[in-house]
Amino acid sequence: MKIRLLLPLVLGLAHLSAQDSAPMRKPGEYPLTADSLPQAGVPKGKLEGPFEWNSKIIGGTVRRYWVYVPAQYTGEKPACLLVFQDGQRALNPQGPLRVDQVLENLIAKQDIPVTIGLFITPGSLSDHYPDNLGMSNPNNRANEYDTLSDTYARMLVDELIPELRKTYQITDDPMGRVIGGTSSGAICAWTVAWERPDQFRKVISMIGSYTSIGYRPARGNQPLVPGGDLYPTLIRKNPIKPIRIFLQDGSGDLSNEHGNWFLANQQVLSALEFANANADKKQDPGPRYDFKHEWGDGNHSDTHGGALLPDILRWMFRDAAR
């Protein structure tokens, strides 16, 4: 009898001891996996650039961009395309994203198809891109990323991708193209797909700024410009567009005069769910939004999104030919 009574107590103490010995993760800590780190035996791709681009569509601006070309690219057939905003941070080898390294590892494992990466900075209102910016934001970022218009999409589709295609074969299939970013870069990515689903139908959205940063009230002859907090309404009230999106955010994200980031991302998710459910209710034969989300406990940081990125890309390309 004594042995029977003592056994649960001993097992319970052993469980508590194992919990005490396990390392505790602090809020917002999300370590990178091997998929984001250099691996022995993985063929090295080429990172070309930075190149400067003076846009005609977004006049008076200059930006930098880089092109990642995987070792497996031969030019014999079109490659898929990944476009990432805030390219200077997306490529930082000491940062949490390391997108080119993730591409290199996943392509080598045949987890995703051969994919060329295009990494773009926001525009600077100058003739030449400032050399002293480092990882900081150029001064035209909010105008380009947080404004609801097709201007940035036209710059990308009509200027930069044609420039890229002078050298590389890029697929015309919008399901072979992914566009992503973090914070305002995430809402920029969504806006490109929203405006041009004929070109991009896959969106990576990390800590997306679906808030009122881009809002500008009407003044004089200047019309009112809506901000990204309008997107949940637009998603609910417009016909469904054939877009696949991964949403990531954390409960410790920003809350300021522009809005609450975590609530805003939940509103976007709720709108996507409503749109699909409403279409099902009406037996609408049209497309449905394809979405997935991951909420964490991080703040306004790329850390959680960076840790998730390999699996996000696997999910994005889950139905693509290798």
C-alpha atoms as a PDB file:
ATOM      1  CA  MET A   1       0.000   0.000   0.000  1.00  0.00           C
ATOM      2  CA  LYS A   2       2.802   2.432   0.922  1.00  0.00           C
ATOM      3  CA  ILE A   3       4.594   1.696  -2.367  1.00  0.00           C
ATOM      4  CA  ARG A   4       1.372   2.387  -4.317  1.00  0.00           C
ATOM      5  CA  LEU A   5       0.912   5.717  -2.570  1.00  0.00           C
ATOM      6  CA  LEU A   6       4.518   6.791  -2.983  1.00  0.00           C
ATOM      7  CA  LEU A   7       4.813   5.909  -6.689  1.00  0.00           C
ATOM      8  CA  PRO A   8       2.643   8.808  -8.020  1.00  0.00           C
ATOM      9  CA  LEU A   9       4.500  11.200  -5.731  1.00  0.00           C
ATOM     10  CA  VAL A  10       7.897  10.016  -7.001  1.00  0.00           C
ATOM     11  CA  LEU A  11       6.756  10.251 -10.634  1.00  0.00           C
ATOM     12  CA  GLY A  12       5.352  13.734 -10.023  1.00  0.00           C
ATOM     13  CA  LEU A  13       8.604  14.926  -8.468  1.00  0.00           C
ATOM     14  CA  ALA A  14      10.578  13.460 -11.381  1.00  0.00           C
ATOM     15  CA  HIS A  15       8.340  15.366 -13.835  1.00  0.00           C
ATOM     16  CA  LEU A  16       8.837  18.624 -11.946  1.00  0.00           C
ATOM     17  CA  SER A  17      12.600  18.006 -11.854  1.00  0.00           C
ATOM     18  CA  ALA A  18      12.671  17.491 -15.655  1.00  0.00           C
ATOM     19  CA  GLN A  19      10.702  20.712 -16.127  1.00  0.00           C
ATOM     20  CA  ASP A  20      13.121  22.616 -13.892  1.00  0.00           C
ATOM     21  CA  SER A  21      16.126  21.339 -15.859  1.00  0.00           C
ATOM     22  CA  ALA A  22      14.625  22.239 -19.272  1.00  0.00           C
ATOM     23  CA  PRO A  23      15.662  25.666 -20.595  1.00  0.00           C
ATOM     24  CA  MET A  24      12.855  28.204 -20.318  1.00  0.00           C
ATOM     25  CA  ARG A  25      12.066  30.235 -23.420  1.00  0.00           C
ATOM     26  CA  LYS A  26      11.649  33.913 -22.743  1.00  0.00           C
ATOM     27  CA  PRO A  27       8.772  35.751 -24.463  1.00  0.00           C
ATOM     28  CA  GLY A  28       9.773  36.668 -27.985  1.00  0.00           C
ATOM     29  CA  GLU A  29      12.679  34.211 -28.151  1.00  0.00           C
ATOM     30  CA  TYR A  30      12.506  32.025 -31.242  1.00  0.00           C
ATOM     31  CA  PRO A  31      15.828  30.415 -32.185  1.00  0.00           C
ATOM     32  CA  LEU A  32      16.666  29.770 -35.811  1.00  0.00           C
ATOM     33  CA  THR A  33      16.687  26.201 -37.031  1.00  0.00           C
ATOM     34  CA  ALA A  34      19.354  24.537 -39.175  1.00  0.00           C
ATOM     35  CA  ASP A  35      17.371  25.556 -42.276  1.00  0.00           C
ATOM     36  CA  SER A  36      18.417  29.179 -41.688  1.00  0.00           C
ATOM     37  CA  LEU A  37      22.114  28.443 -41.107  1.00  0.00           C
ATOM     38  CA  PRO A  38      24.957  27.535 -43.501  1.00  0.00           C
ATOM     39  CA  GLN A  39      25.122  23.790 -44.062  1.00  0.00           C
ATOM     40  CA  ALA A  40      28.069  21.683 -45.154  1.00  0.00           C
ATOM     41  CA  GLY A  41      27.659  20.176 -48.598  1.00  0.00           C
ATOM     42  CA  VAL A  42      24.920  22.571 -49.746  1.00  0.00           C
ATOM     43  CA  PRO A  43      25.798  24.169 -53.107  1.00  0.00           C
ATOM     44  CA  LYS A  44      26.362  27.909 -52.746  1.00  0.00           C
ATOM     45  CA  GLY A  45      24.258  30.272 -54.778  1.00  0.00           C
ATOM     46  CA  LYS A  46      25.285  33.778 -55.863  1.00  0.00           C
ATOM     47  CA  LEU A  47      24.099  37.002 -54.294  1.00  0.00           C
ATOM     48  CA  GLU A  48      24.495  39.752 -56.876  1.00  0.00           C
ATOM     49  CA  GLY A  49      24.335  43.462 -56.087  1.00  0.00           C
ATOM     50  CA  PRO A  50      23.536  45.860 -54.686  1.00  0.00           C
ATOM     51  CA  PHE A  51      22.331  47.545 -57.847  1.00  0.00           C
ATOM     52  CA  GLU A  52      20.759  50.998 -57.947  1.00  0.00           C
ATOM     53  CA  TRP A  53      17.393  51.636 -59.583  1.00  0.00           C
ATOM     54  CA  ASN A  54      15.976  55.067 -60.360  1.00  0.00           C
ATOM     55  CA  SER A  55      12.270  54.503 -60.822  1.00  0.00           C
ATOM     56  CA  LYS A  56      10.245  56.426 -63.367  1.00  0.00           C
ATOM     57  CA  ILE A  57       6.934  55.244 -61.912  1.00  0.00           C
ATOM     58  CA  ILE A  58       7.873  56.412 -58.402  1.00  0.00           C
ATOM     59  CA  GLY A  59       9.584  59.533 -59.648  1.00  0.00           C
ATOM     60  CA  GLY A  60      12.466  61.161 -57.809  1.00  0.00           C
ATOM     61  CA  THR A  61      13.413  57.987 -55.953  1.00  0.00           C
ATOM     62  CA  VAL A  62      16.343  55.602 -56.002  1.00  0.00           C
ATOM     63  CA  ARG A  63      16.524  52.184 -54.387  1.00  0.00           C
ATOM     64  CA  ARG A  64      18.915  49.295 -54.123  1.00  0.00           C
ATOM     65  CA  TYR A  65      18.197  45.708 -54.990  1.00  0.00           C
ATOM     66  CA  TRP A  66      19.986  42.367 -54.854  1.00  0.00           C
ATOM     67  CA  VAL A  67      19.416  39.155 -56.796  1.00  0.00           C
ATOM     68  CA  TYR A  68      19.972  35.726 -55.284  1.00  0.00           C
ATOM     69  CA  VAL A  69      20.624  33.039 -57.904  1.00  0.00           C
ATOM     70  CA  PRO A  70      20.635  29.452 -56.599  1.00  0.00           C
ATOM     71  CA  ALA A  71      23.346  27.063 -57.715  1.00  0.00           C
ATOM     72  CA  GLN A  72      20.664  24.843 -59.261  1.00  0.00           C
ATOM     73  CA  TYR A  73      19.498  27.546 -61.691  1.00  0.00           C
ATOM     74  CA  THR A  74      20.568  26.669 -65.253  1.00  0.00           C
ATOM     75  CA  GLY A  75      18.385  28.949 -67.361  1.00  0.00           C
ATOM     76  CA  GLU A  76      16.952  25.966 -69.210  1.00  0.00           C
ATOM     77  CA  LYS A  77      13.511  26.585 -67.734  1.00  0.00           C
ATOM     78  CA  PRO A  78      11.880  29.473 -65.857  1.00  0.00           C
ATOM     79  CA  ALA A  79      12.611  29.735 -62.152  1.00  0.00           C
ATOM     80  CA  CYS A  80      10.129  30.642 -59.473  1.00  0.00           C
ATOM     81  CA  LEU A  81      10.473  34.073 -57.884  1.00  0.00           C
ATOM     82  CA  LEU A  82      10.550  35.340 -54.304  1.00  0.00           C
ATOM     83  CA  VAL A  83      10.397  39.125 -53.835  1.00  0.00           C
ATOM     84  CA  PHE A  84      11.176  40.473 -50.370  1.00  0.00           C
ATOM     85  CA  GLN A  85      10.787  44.061 -49.204  1.00  0.00           C
ATOM     86  CA  ASP A  86      13.338  45.829 -46.955  1.00  0.00           C
ATOM     87  CA  GLY A  87      15.961  43.801 -48.771  1.00  0.00           C
ATOM     88  CA  GLN A  88      18.842  45.187 -46.737  1.00  0.00           C
ATOM     89  CA  ARG A  89      17.428  43.571 -43.591  1.00  0.00           C
ATOM     90  CA  ALA A  90      16.112  40.433 -45.271  1.00  0.00           C
ATOM     91  CA  LEU A  91      19.684  39.591 -46.344  1.00  0.00           C
ATOM     92  CA  ASN A  92      21.500  40.552 -43.137  1.00  0.00           C
ATOM     93  CA  PRO A  93      23.664  37.459 -42.396  1.00  0.00           C
ATOM     94  CA  GLN A  94      23.507  38.267 -38.676  1.00  0.00           C
ATOM     95  CA  GLY A  95      19.790  39.085 -38.665  1.00  0.00           C
ATOM     96  CA  PRO A  96      16.786  36.882 -37.946  1.00  0.00           C
ATOM     97  CA  LEU A  97      15.563  36.483 -41.552  1.00  0.00           C
ATOM     98  CA  ARG A  98      18.565  35.394 -43.678  1.00  0.00           C
ATOM     99  CA  VAL A  99      16.197  34.750 -46.574  1.00  0.00           C
ATOM    100  CA  ASP A 100      18.883  33.890 -49.128  1.00  0.00           C
ATOM    101  CA  GLN A 101      20.359  31.262 -46.802  1.00  0.00           C
ATOM    102  CA  VAL A 102      16.921  29.718 -46.272  1.00  0.00           C
ATOM    103  CA  LEU A 103      16.373  29.568 -50.030  1.00  0.00           C
ATOM    104  CA  GLU A 104      19.769  27.912 -50.494  1.00  0.00           C
ATOM    105  CA  ASN A 105      19.049  25.176 -47.949  1.00  0.00           C
ATOM    106  CA  LEU A 106      15.469  24.433 -49.000  1.00  0.00           C
ATOM    107  CA  ILE A 107      16.251  24.320 -52.724  1.00  0.00           C
ATOM    108  CA  ALA A 108      19.123  21.903 -52.066  1.00  0.00           C
ATOM    109  CA  LYS A 109      16.749  19.628 -50.126  1.00  0.00           C
ATOM    110  CA  GLN A 110      14.167  19.941 -52.924  1.00  0.00           C
ATOM    111  CA  ASP A 111      11.676  21.195 -50.357  1.00  0.00           C
ATOM    112  CA  ILE A 112      10.886  24.097 -52.697  1.00  0.00           C
ATOM    113  CA  PRO A 113      11.484  24.558 -56.437  1.00  0.00           C
ATOM    114  CA  VAL A 114      14.426  26.459 -57.897  1.00  0.00           C
ATOM    115  CA  THR A 115      13.661  30.044 -56.917  1.00  0.00           C
ATOM    116  CA  ILE A 116      15.405  33.326 -57.669  1.00  0.00           C
ATOM    117  CA  GLY A 117      15.254  35.938 -54.929  1.00  0.00           C
ATOM    118  CA  LEU A 118      14.756  39.657 -55.550  1.00  0.00           C
ATOM    119  CA  PHE A 119      15.460  41.799 -52.500  1.00  0.00           C
ATOM    120  CA  ILE A 120      14.498  45.469 -52.704  1.00  0.00           C
ATOM    121  CA  THR A 121      14.985  48.444 -50.401  1.00  0.00           C
ATOM    122  CA  PRO A 122      12.352  51.147 -50.168  1.00  0.00           C
ATOM    123  CA  GLY A 123      13.042  54.261 -52.200  1.00  0.00           C
ATOM    124  CA  SER A 124      15.127  57.225 -51.115  1.00  0.00           C
ATOM    125  CA  LEU A 125      14.194  60.716 -52.285  1.00  0.00           C
ATOM    126  CA  SER A 126      17.597  61.382 -53.799  1.00  0.00           C
ATOM    127  CA  ASP A 127      19.641  60.831 -56.940  1.00  0.00           C
ATOM    128  CA  HIS A 128      21.847  58.155 -55.358  1.00  0.00           C
ATOM    129  CA  TYR A 129      21.091  55.736 -52.543  1.00  0.00           C
ATOM    130  CA  PRO A 130      22.712  57.014 -49.321  1.00  0.00           C
ATOM    131  CA  ASP A 131      25.747  54.968 -48.293  1.00  0.00           C
ATOM    132  CA  ASN A 132      25.230  55.657 -44.586  1.00  0.00           C
ATOM    133  CA  LEU A 133      21.786  54.068 -44.146  1.00  0.00           C
ATOM    134  CA  GLY A 134      22.910  50.540 -43.340  1.00  0.00           C
ATOM    135  CA  MET A 135      19.830  48.667 -42.086  1.00  0.00           C
ATOM    136  CA  SER A 136      17.841  51.877 -41.561  1.00  0.00           C
ATOM    137  CA  ASN A 137      14.794  52.891 -43.574  1.00  0.00           C
ATOM    138  CA  PRO A 138      15.050  55.186 -46.595  1.00  0.00           C
ATOM    139  CA  ASN A 139      12.835  58.262 -46.382  1.00  0.00           C
ATOM    140  CA  ASN A 140      10.169  57.214 -48.901  1.00  0.00           C
ATOM    141  CA  ARG A 141       9.322  53.922 -47.218  1.00  0.00           C
ATOM    142  CA  ALA A 142       5.953  54.877 -45.723  1.00  0.00           C
ATOM    143  CA  ASN A 143       4.783  56.500 -48.957  1.00  0.00           C
ATOM    144  CA  GLU A 144       5.541  53.321 -50.885  1.00  0.00           C
ATOM    145  CA  TYR A 145       4.714  50.580 -48.404  1.00  0.00           C
ATOM    146  CA  ASP A 146       1.790  51.889 -46.335  1.00  0.00           C
ATOM    147  CA  THR A 147      -0.289  53.579 -49.042  1.00  0.00           C
ATOM    148  CA  LEU A 148      -3.217  51.775 -50.630  1.00  0.00           C
ATOM    149  CA  SER A 149      -2.550  52.167 -54.342  1.00  0.00           C
ATOM    150  CA  ASP A 150      -1.146  50.227 -57.278  1.00  0.00           C
ATOM    151  CA  THR A 151       1.934  52.454 -57.623  1.00  0.00           C
ATOM    152  CA  TYR A 152       4.450  50.122 -55.971  1.00  0.00           C
ATOM    153  CA  ALA A 153       2.988  47.118 -57.794  1.00  0.00           C
ATOM    154  CA  ARG A 154       3.415  48.902 -61.120  1.00  0.00           C
ATOM    155  CA  MET A 155       7.026  49.785 -60.277  1.00  0.00           C
ATOM    156  CA  LEU A 156       7.741  46.150 -59.468  1.00  0.00           C
ATOM    157  CA  VAL A 157       5.810  44.556 -62.348  1.00  0.00           C
ATOM    158  CA  ASP A 158       6.554  47.093 -65.086  1.00  0.00           C
ATOM    159  CA  GLU A 159      10.107  48.118 -64.175  1.00  0.00           C
ATOM    160  CA  LEU A 160      12.081  45.827 -61.895  1.00  0.00           C
ATOM    161  CA  ILE A 161      10.883  42.394 -63.004  1.00  0.00           C
ATOM    162  CA  PRO A 162      11.428  43.236 -66.705  1.00  0.00           C
ATOM    163  CA  GLU A 163      14.943  44.352 -65.750  1.00  0.00           C
ATOM    164  CA  LEU A 164      15.503  41.049 -63.957  1.00  0.00           C
ATOM    165  CA  ARG A 165      14.191  39.097 -66.942  1.00  0.00           C
ATOM    166  CA  LYS A 166      16.848  40.587 -69.188  1.00  0.00           C
ATOM    167  CA  THR A 167      19.248  38.179 -67.461  1.00  0.00           C
ATOM    168  CA  TYR A 168      17.127  35.402 -65.933  1.00  0.00           C
ATOM    169  CA  GLN A 169      14.188  33.260 -66.924  1.00  0.00           C
ATOM    170  CA  ILE A 170      11.356  33.949 -64.476  1.00  0.00           C
ATOM    171  CA  THR A 171       8.036  32.126 -64.485  1.00  0.00           C
ATOM    172  CA  ASP A 172       4.922  33.933 -65.708  1.00  0.00           C
ATOM    173  CA  ASP A 173       2.750  31.779 -63.457  1.00  0.00           C
ATOM    174  CA  PRO A 174       1.554  33.902 -60.490  1.00  0.00           C
ATOM    175  CA  MET A 175       1.439  30.732 -58.386  1.00  0.00           C
ATOM    176  CA  GLY A 176       5.184  30.446 -58.898  1.00  0.00           C
ATOM    177  CA  ARG A 177       5.758  33.888 -57.447  1.00  0.00           C
ATOM    178  CA  VAL A 178       5.879  34.761 -53.745  1.00  0.00           C
ATOM    179  CA  ILE A 179       6.101  38.268 -52.315  1.00  0.00           C
ATOM    180  CA  GLY A 180       6.849  38.951 -48.677  1.00  0.00           C
ATOM    181  CA  GLY A 181       7.982  41.370 -46.053  1.00  0.00           C
ATOM    182  CA  THR A 182       7.807  42.360 -42.427  1.00  0.00           C
ATOM    183  CA  SER A 183       5.934  45.241 -40.792  1.00  0.00           C
ATOM    184  CA  SER A 184       5.169  47.853 -43.479  1.00  0.00           C
ATOM    185  CA  GLY A 185       6.961  45.568 -45.953  1.00  0.00           C
ATOM    186  CA  ALA A 186       4.290  42.948 -45.221  1.00  0.00           C
ATOM    187  CA  ILE A 187       1.358  45.199 -46.027  1.00  0.00           C
ATOM    188  CA  CYS A 188       3.247  46.297 -49.142  1.00  0.00           C
ATOM    189  CA  ALA A 189       3.495  42.651 -50.199  1.00  0.00           C
ATOM    190  CA  TRP A 190      -0.227  42.133 -49.602  1.00  0.00           C
ATOM    191  CA  THR A 191      -1.045  45.283 -51.587  1.00  0.00           C
ATOM    192  CA  VAL A 192       0.937  44.015 -54.591  1.00  0.00           C
ATOM    193  CA  ALA A 193      -1.018  40.742 -54.607  1.00  0.00           C
ATOM    194  CA  TRP A 194      -4.306  42.557 -53.950  1.00  0.00           C
ATOM    195  CA  GLU A 195      -3.715  44.911 -56.884  1.00  0.00           C
ATOM    196  CA  ARG A 196      -2.047  42.396 -59.220  1.00  0.00           C
ATOM    197  CA  PRO A 197      -3.159  38.822 -58.539  1.00  0.00           C
ATOM    198  CA  ASP A 198      -2.368  38.183 -62.186  1.00  0.00           C
ATOM    199  CA  GLN A 199       1.303  38.543 -61.171  1.00  0.00           C
ATOM    200  CA  PHE A 200       1.508  37.463 -57.507  1.00  0.00           C
ATOM    201  CA  ARG A 201      -0.785  35.131 -55.577  1.00  0.00           C
ATOM    202  CA  LYS A 202       1.385  34.148 -52.604  1.00  0.00           C
ATOM    203  CA  VAL A 203       2.098  36.520 -49.710  1.00  0.00           C
ATOM    204  CA  ILE A 204       4.356  36.205 -46.656  1.00  0.00           C
ATOM    205  CA  SER A 205       3.162  38.664 -44.005  1.00  0.00           C
ATOM    206  CA  MET A 206       5.190  39.024 -40.802  1.00  0.00           C
ATOM    207  CA  ILE A 207       4.132  41.540 -38.113  1.00  0.00           C
ATOM    208  CA  GLY A 208       2.147  43.260 -40.866  1.00  0.00           C
ATOM    209  CA  SER A 209       1.295  46.946 -40.437  1.00  0.00           C
ATOM    210  CA  TYR A 210      -2.415  46.750 -41.276  1.00  0.00           C
ATOM    211  CA  THR A 211      -2.793  50.061 -39.492  1.00  0.00           C
ATOM    212  CA  SER A 212      -3.308  53.719 -40.360  1.00  0.00           C
ATOM    213  CA  ILE A 213       0.353  54.662 -41.061  1.00  0.00           C
ATOM    214  CA  GLY A 214      -0.484  55.460 -44.675  1.00  0.00           C
ATOM    215  CA  TYR A 215      -3.593  57.486 -43.801  1.00  0.00           C
ATOM    216  CA  ARG A 216      -3.485  61.135 -44.870  1.00  0.00           C
ATOM    217  CA  PRO A 217      -6.533  63.383 -44.470  1.00  0.00           C
ATOM    218  CA  ALA A 218      -7.744  65.513 -47.361  1.00  0.00           C
ATOM    219  CA  ARG A 219      -6.044  68.908 -47.392  1.00  0.00           C
ATOM    220  CA  GLY A 220      -6.573  71.602 -49.969  1.00  0.00           C
ATOM    221  CA  ASN A 221      -6.378  69.951 -53.366  1.00  0.00           C
ATOM    222  CA  GLN A 222      -4.894  66.795 -51.879  1.00  0.00           C
ATOM    223  CA  PRO A 223      -7.420  63.957 -51.597  1.00  0.00           C
ATOM    224  CA  LEU A 224      -7.820  61.701 -48.580  1.00  0.00           C
ATOM    225  CA  VAL A 225      -5.455  58.705 -48.701  1.00  0.00           C
ATOM    226  CA  PRO A 226      -6.661  55.633 -46.751  1.00  0.00           C
ATOM    227  CA  GLY A 227      -4.384  53.525 -44.588  1.00  0.00           C
ATOM    228  CA  GLY A 228      -3.924  49.796 -44.306  1.00  0.00           C
ATOM    229  CA  ASP A 229      -6.469  49.537 -41.486  1.00  0.00           C
ATOM    230  CA  LEU A 230      -9.058  49.578 -44.292  1.00  0.00           C
ATOM    231  CA  TYR A 231      -8.030  46.137 -45.561  1.00  0.00           C
ATOM    232  CA  PRO A 232     -10.327  44.049 -43.327  1.00  0.00           C
ATOM    233  CA  THR A 233     -13.264  46.031 -44.739  1.00  0.00           C
ATOM    234  CA  LEU A 234     -12.019  45.681 -48.320  1.00  0.00           C
ATOM    235  CA  ILE A 235     -11.541  41.927 -47.905  1.00  0.00           C
ATOM    236  CA  ARG A 236     -15.066  41.532 -46.529  1.00  0.00           C
ATOM    237  CA  LYS A 237     -16.798  43.692 -49.149  1.00  0.00           C
ATOM    238  CA  ASN A 238     -14.939  42.767 -52.349  1.00  0.00           C
ATOM    239  CA  PRO A 239     -15.015  39.579 -54.418  1.00  0.00           C
ATOM    240  CA  ILE A 240     -12.448  37.017 -53.255  1.00  0.00           C
ATOM    241  CA  LYS A 241      -9.098  37.201 -54.975  1.00  0.00           C
ATOM    242  CA  PRO A 242      -7.034  34.011 -55.561  1.00  0.00           C
ATOM    243  CA  ILE A 243      -4.420  34.794 -52.899  1.00  0.00           C
ATOM    244  CA  ARG A 244      -2.513  32.513 -50.515  1.00  0.00           C
ATOM    245  CA  ILE A 245      -1.224  34.305 -47.411  1.00  0.00           C
ATOM    246  CA  PHE A 246       0.675  33.351 -44.266  1.00  0.00           C
ATOM    247  CA  LEU A 247       0.075  35.753 -41.368  1.00  0.00           C
ATOM    248  CA  GLN A 248       2.469  35.961 -38.402  1.00  0.00           C
ATOM    249  CA  ASP A 249       2.337  38.297 -35.426  1.00  0.00           C
ATOM    250  CA  GLY A 250       2.900  38.408 -31.675  1.00  0.00           C
ATOM    251  CA  SER A 251       0.795  39.475 -28.711  1.00  0.00           C
ATOM    252  CA  GLY A 252       3.491  41.970 -27.682  1.00  0.00           C
ATOM    253  CA  ASP A 253       3.414  43.870 -30.976  1.00  0.00           C
ATOM    254  CA  LEU A 254       3.006  47.654 -31.187  1.00  0.00           C
ATOM    255  CA  SER A 255       0.054  49.690 -29.997  1.00  0.00           C
ATOM    256  CA  ASN A 256       0.268  53.400 -30.813  1.00  0.00           C
ATOM    257  CA  GLU A 257      -1.520  56.249 -32.596  1.00  0.00           C
ATOM    258  CA  HIS A 258      -1.572  54.226 -35.830  1.00  0.00           C
ATOM    259  CA  GLY A 259      -3.340  51.252 -34.289  1.00  0.00           C
ATOM    260  CA  ASN A 260      -2.776  47.950 -32.503  1.00  0.00           C
ATOM    261  CA  TRP A 261      -0.739  45.601 -34.706  1.00  0.00           C
ATOM    262  CA  PHE A 262      -1.803  42.322 -33.134  1.00  0.00           C
ATOM    263  CA  LEU A 263      -5.490  43.253 -33.239  1.00  0.00           C
ATOM    264  CA  ALA A 264      -5.091  44.481 -36.823  1.00  0.00           C
ATOM    265  CA  ASN A 265      -3.601  41.167 -37.935  1.00  0.00           C
ATOM    266  CA  GLN A 266      -6.412  39.304 -36.194  1.00  0.00           C
ATOM    267  CA  GLN A 267      -8.898  41.523 -38.031  1.00  0.00           C
ATOM    268  CA  VAL A 268      -7.298  40.576 -41.357  1.00  0.00           C
ATOM    269  CA  LEU A 269      -7.529  36.889 -40.445  1.00  0.00           C
ATOM    270  CA  SER A 270     -11.168  37.293 -39.389  1.00  0.00           C
ATOM    271  CA  ALA A 271     -11.967  39.037 -42.681  1.00  0.00           C
ATOM    272  CA  LEU A 272     -10.387  36.217 -44.698  1.00  0.00           C
ATOM    273  CA  GLU A 273     -12.385  33.654 -42.726  1.00  0.00           C
ATOM    274  CA  PHE A 274     -15.603  35.636 -43.232  1.00  0.00           C
ATOM    275  CA  ALA A 275     -15.039  36.042 -46.969  1.00  0.00           C
ATOM    276  CA  ASN A 276     -14.585  32.301 -47.463  1.00  0.00           C
ATOM    277  CA  ALA A 277     -17.532  31.403 -45.230  1.00  0.00           C
ATOM    278  CA  ASN A 278     -19.760  33.905 -46.982  1.00  0.00           C
ATOM    279  CA  ALA A 279     -18.784  32.533 -50.393  1.00  0.00           C
ATOM    280  CA  ASP A 280     -19.492  28.992 -49.175  1.00  0.00           C
ATOM    281  CA  LYS A 281     -22.886  30.103 -47.884  1.00  0.00           C
ATOM    282  CA  LYS A 282     -23.733  31.590 -51.277  1.00  0.00           C
ATOM    283  CA  GLN A 283     -22.302  28.513 -53.035  1.00  0.00           C
ATOM    284  CA  ASP A 284     -20.089  30.852 -55.009  1.00  0.00           C
ATOM    285  CA  PRO A 285     -18.006  28.760 -57.466  1.00  0.00           C
ATOM    286  CA  GLY A 286     -15.201  31.334 -57.467  1.00  0.00           C
ATOM    287  CA  PRO A 287     -11.834  31.223 -55.669  1.00  0.00           C
ATOM    288  CA  ARG A 288     -11.262  31.079 -51.917  1.00  0.00           C
ATOM    289  CA  TYR A 289      -8.532  32.675 -49.846  1.00  0.00           C
ATOM    290  CA  ASP A 290      -5.865  30.159 -48.848  1.00  0.00           C
ATOM    291  CA  PHE A 291      -4.444  31.233 -45.513  1.00  0.00           C
ATOM    292  CA  LYS A 292      -2.583  30.104 -42.461  1.00  0.00           C
ATOM    293  CA  HIS A 293      -1.481  32.012 -39.372  1.00  0.00           C
ATOM    294  CA  GLU A 294       0.872  31.712 -36.434  1.00  0.00           C
ATOM    295  CA  TRP A 295       0.469  33.929 -33.380  1.00  0.00           C
ATOM    296  CA  GLY A 296       3.291  34.128 -30.859  1.00  0.00           C
ATOM    297  CA  ASP A 297       4.255  36.219 -27.854  1.00  0.00           C
ATOM    298  CA  GLY A 298       6.892  38.393 -29.526  1.00  0.00           C
ATOM    299  CA  ASN A 299       7.019  42.149 -30.022  1.00  0.00           C
ATOM    300  CA  HIS A 300       7.536  44.161 -33.214  1.00  0.00           C
ATOM    301  CA  SER A 301      10.469  42.056 -34.294  1.00  0.00           C
ATOM    302  CA  ASP A 302      11.457  39.778 -37.201  1.00  0.00           C
ATOM    303  CA  THR A 303      12.606  37.072 -34.768  1.00  0.00           C
ATOM    304  CA  HIS A 304       9.519  34.847 -34.759  1.00  0.00           C
ATOM    305  CA  GLY A 305       8.919  35.246 -38.487  1.00  0.00           C
ATOM    306  CA  GLY A 306      12.544  34.393 -39.211  1.00  0.00           C
ATOM    307  CA  ALA A 307      12.298  31.174 -37.220  1.00  0.00           C
ATOM    308  CA  LEU A 308       9.116  30.245 -39.095  1.00  0.00           C
ATOM    309  CA  LEU A 309      10.366  31.222 -42.562  1.00  0.00           C
ATOM    310  CA  PRO A 310      11.577  27.782 -43.735  1.00  0.00           C
ATOM    311  CA  ASP A 311       8.216  26.191 -42.958  1.00  0.00           C
ATOM    312  CA  ILE A 312       6.358  29.186 -44.391  1.00  0.00           C
ATOM    313  CA  LEU A 313       8.146  28.690 -47.718  1.00  0.00           C
ATOM    314  CA  ARG A 314       7.427  24.958 -47.650  1.00  0.00           C
ATOM    315  CA  TRP A 315       3.752  25.751 -47.134  1.00  0.00           C
ATOM    316  CA  MET A 316       3.771  28.385 -49.883  1.00  0.00           C
ATOM    317  CA  PHE A 317       5.277  25.973 -52.407  1.00  0.00           C
ATOM    318  CA  ARG A 318       3.545  22.819 -51.158  1.00  0.00           C
ATOM    319  CA  ASP A 319       1.825  22.213 -54.488  1.00  0.00           C
ATOM    320  CA  ALA A 320       4.649  23.381 -56.798  1.00  0.00           C
ATOM    321  CA  ALA A 321       6.557  21.053 -59.110  1.00  0.00           C
ATOM    322  CA  ARG A 322      10.169  20.434 -58.083  1.00  0.00           C
END
